[in-house]
Protein backbone atom coordinates (compact mmCIF):
# COMPACT_ATOMS: atom_id res chain seq x y z
CA UNK A 1 0.00 0.00 0.00
CA UNK A 2 1.55 3.27 -1.03
CA UNK A 3 -0.91 5.83 0.20
CA UNK A 4 -4.32 5.88 1.73
CA UNK A 5 -7.07 8.43 1.92
CA UNK A 6 -8.56 7.99 5.34
CA UNK A 7 -11.99 8.59 6.79
CA UNK A 8 -11.10 12.26 7.26
CA UNK A 9 -10.22 12.65 3.55
CA UNK A 10 -6.50 13.25 4.14
CA UNK A 11 -3.84 11.38 2.16
CA UNK A 12 -1.29 9.64 4.40
CA UNK A 13 1.43 7.03 4.14
CA UNK A 14 -0.27 3.64 3.98
CA UNK A 15 1.18 2.33 7.24
CA UNK A 16 -0.68 5.03 9.22
CA UNK A 17 -3.98 3.20 8.68
CA UNK A 18 -7.33 4.52 7.63
CA UNK A 19 -8.92 4.96 11.05
CA UNK A 20 -8.14 7.24 14.01
CA UNK A 21 -5.80 5.75 16.58
CA UNK A 22 -2.27 5.67 17.97
CA UNK A 23 -0.57 4.86 14.66
CA UNK A 24 -2.33 7.64 12.77
CA UNK A 25 -1.65 10.13 15.57
CA UNK A 26 2.02 9.09 15.61
CA UNK A 27 2.27 9.45 11.82
CA UNK A 28 0.54 12.83 11.86
CA UNK A 29 2.48 14.43 14.70
CA UNK A 30 5.80 12.67 15.34
CA UNK A 31 7.17 10.43 12.59
CA UNK A 32 9.80 12.23 10.57
CA UNK A 33 9.98 15.31 12.79
CA UNK A 34 13.65 15.99 13.66
CA UNK A 35 14.45 14.88 17.20
CA UNK A 36 17.37 16.28 19.17
CA UNK A 37 18.39 15.86 22.77
CA UNK A 38 20.24 13.01 24.38
CA UNK A 39 17.36 11.61 26.42
CA UNK A 40 14.84 11.84 23.58
CA UNK A 41 17.18 10.10 21.14
CA UNK A 42 18.11 7.47 23.72
CA UNK A 43 14.44 6.66 24.31
CA UNK A 44 13.67 6.47 20.61
CA UNK A 45 16.70 4.29 19.87
CA UNK A 46 15.75 1.89 22.66
CA UNK A 47 12.11 1.73 21.58
CA UNK A 48 13.08 1.06 17.97
CA UNK A 49 15.24 -1.81 19.25
CA UNK A 50 12.33 -3.10 21.32
CA UNK A 51 10.33 -3.30 18.10
CA UNK A 52 12.62 -5.98 16.63
CA UNK A 53 10.39 -8.88 15.57
CA UNK A 54 7.24 -6.94 16.52
CA UNK A 55 5.07 -4.21 15.05
CA UNK A 56 5.64 -0.54 15.85
CA UNK A 57 2.01 -0.41 16.95
CA UNK A 58 2.82 -2.92 19.72
CA UNK A 59 5.61 -0.70 21.03
CA UNK A 60 3.69 2.54 20.53
CA UNK A 61 0.82 1.21 22.62
CA UNK A 62 3.29 0.38 25.41
CA UNK A 63 5.39 3.54 25.17
CA UNK A 64 3.98 5.07 28.37
CA UNK A 65 4.54 1.76 30.13
CA UNK A 66 8.16 1.79 28.98
CA UNK A 67 8.57 5.35 30.23
CA UNK A 68 7.26 4.36 33.64
CA UNK A 69 9.23 1.13 33.84
CA UNK A 70 12.51 2.75 32.75
CA UNK A 71 12.35 5.88 34.92
CA UNK A 72 11.45 8.20 32.07
CA UNK A 73 14.50 6.94 30.16
CA UNK A 74 16.77 8.80 32.56
CA UNK A 75 20.09 7.60 31.18
CA UNK A 76 22.06 7.59 34.44
CA UNK A 77 19.31 5.73 36.29
CA UNK A 78 18.89 3.11 33.55
CA UNK A 79 22.68 2.65 33.38
CA UNK A 80 22.72 1.88 37.11
CA UNK A 81 20.21 -0.99 36.89
CA UNK A 82 21.63 -4.21 38.32
CA UNK A 83 20.69 -7.83 37.67
CA UNK A 84 17.91 -7.69 40.27
CA UNK A 85 16.34 -4.65 38.58
CA UNK A 86 16.62 -6.33 35.18
CA UNK A 87 14.85 -9.38 36.57
CA UNK A 88 12.17 -7.16 38.10
CA UNK A 89 11.58 -5.63 34.67
CA UNK A 90 11.10 -9.12 33.24
CA UNK A 91 7.94 -9.27 35.33
CA UNK A 92 6.62 -5.87 34.24
CA UNK A 93 3.57 -6.36 32.03
CA UNK A 94 3.74 -2.77 30.75
CA UNK A 95 6.72 -3.66 28.53
CA UNK A 96 7.92 -6.43 26.25
CA UNK A 97 9.59 -8.68 28.80
CA UNK A 98 12.41 -9.91 26.59
CA UNK A 99 15.61 -10.45 28.61
CA UNK A 100 17.93 -9.46 25.74
CA UNK A 101 16.03 -6.26 25.00
CA UNK A 102 15.99 -5.22 28.66
CA UNK A 103 19.73 -5.91 28.83
CA UNK A 104 20.23 -3.81 25.68
CA UNK A 105 18.41 -0.82 27.22
CA UNK A 106 20.76 -0.96 30.22
CA UNK A 107 23.83 -1.46 28.03
CA UNK A 108 22.76 1.38 25.75
CA UNK A 109 22.49 3.71 28.73
CA UNK A 110 25.95 2.65 29.88
CA UNK A 111 27.30 3.28 26.38
CA UNK A 112 25.84 6.80 26.41
CA UNK A 113 27.55 7.49 29.74
CA UNK A 114 30.81 6.26 28.26
CA UNK A 115 30.34 8.68 25.38
CA UNK A 116 29.83 11.49 27.89
CA UNK A 117 33.10 10.51 29.56
CA UNK A 118 34.75 10.93 26.17
CA UNK A 119 33.08 14.33 25.66
CA UNK A 120 31.00 12.96 22.81
CA UNK A 121 27.41 14.00 22.28
CA UNK A 122 24.92 11.26 21.40
CA UNK A 123 22.94 13.85 19.47
CA UNK A 124 25.93 14.98 17.39
CA UNK A 125 27.12 11.41 16.89
CA UNK A 126 23.79 10.11 15.61
CA UNK A 127 23.08 13.13 13.42
CA UNK A 128 26.60 12.93 11.93
CA UNK A 129 25.42 10.03 9.76
CA UNK A 130 23.28 12.52 7.80
CA UNK A 131 25.77 15.39 8.11
CA UNK A 132 23.59 17.09 10.71
CA UNK A 133 20.70 17.76 8.31
CA UNK A 134 17.57 15.74 7.52
CA UNK A 135 17.67 13.91 4.20
CA UNK A 136 14.54 14.61 2.20
CA UNK A 137 13.63 11.69 -0.02
CA UNK A 138 11.03 11.79 -2.77
CA UNK A 139 9.36 8.40 -2.64
CA UNK A 140 6.15 8.03 -4.64
CA UNK A 141 5.37 4.51 -3.42
CA UNK A 142 5.91 2.84 -0.07
CA UNK A 143 7.59 -0.01 -1.94
CA UNK A 144 10.43 2.35 -2.92
CA UNK A 145 11.45 2.99 0.71
CA UNK A 146 14.51 0.89 1.65
CA UNK A 147 14.75 -1.19 4.81
CA UNK A 148 18.32 0.02 5.33
CA UNK A 149 20.83 2.34 3.71
CA UNK A 150 24.58 2.86 3.68
CA UNK A 151 24.07 5.47 6.42
CA UNK A 152 22.08 3.13 8.64
CA UNK A 153 24.68 0.42 8.10
CA UNK A 154 27.42 2.83 9.16
CA UNK A 155 25.40 3.95 12.20
CA UNK A 156 24.78 0.35 13.21
CA UNK A 157 28.44 -0.54 12.95
CA UNK A 158 29.51 2.52 14.96
CA UNK A 159 26.92 1.96 17.69
CA UNK A 160 27.74 -1.74 18.04
CA UNK A 161 31.40 -0.84 18.37
CA UNK A 162 30.45 1.41 21.29
CA UNK A 163 28.50 -1.38 23.00
CA UNK A 164 24.94 -0.55 21.97
CA UNK A 165 22.53 -3.44 21.47
CA UNK A 166 19.57 -4.03 19.17
CA UNK A 167 20.95 -1.52 16.68
CA UNK A 168 21.12 -3.49 13.45
CA UNK A 169 21.00 -1.56 10.15
CA UNK A 170 17.24 -2.04 9.72
CA UNK A 171 16.56 -0.87 13.28
CA UNK A 172 18.88 2.09 12.72
CA UNK A 173 17.04 3.05 9.55
CA UNK A 174 13.67 2.87 11.32
CA UNK A 175 15.22 5.05 14.03
CA UNK A 176 16.48 7.53 11.41
CA UNK A 177 12.99 7.73 9.92
CA UNK A 178 11.26 8.27 13.24
CA UNK A 179 13.89 10.76 14.47
CA UNK A 180 13.51 12.85 11.33
CA UNK A 181 17.01 12.19 10.07
CA UNK A 182 15.31 11.19 6.84
CA UNK A 183 11.93 12.29 5.52
CA UNK A 184 10.39 9.07 4.20
CA UNK A 185 6.82 10.28 3.97
CA UNK A 186 5.66 9.57 0.44
CA UNK A 187 5.36 12.76 -1.59
CA UNK A 188 1.55 12.61 -1.77
CA UNK A 189 1.27 12.39 2.03
CA UNK A 190 0.15 15.63 3.68
CA UNK A 191 3.09 15.37 6.10
CA UNK A 192 5.77 15.24 3.41
CA UNK A 193 5.95 19.01 2.99
CA UNK A 194 5.34 19.73 6.66
CA UNK A 195 8.36 17.91 8.02
Foldseek 3Di string as FASTA:
>chain_A
DFWDQAPVRAIFGVVQDRDDDQSVVCRVPFFQAADFDQQVLLLLLLLLLLCVVHDNVVSSQLSVVCCVLQVNSPLVSLLPDDPVSLVVQLPRPSGPNDSQSSVLSNQLSVLCVVCVVVVHGPRCVLLVLLPVAAAEDAAQGPVVDDLFDPSLQVVLVVSVVSRHPSRHRSSSVSSCRRNNSYPPIHPSGPCSVVD
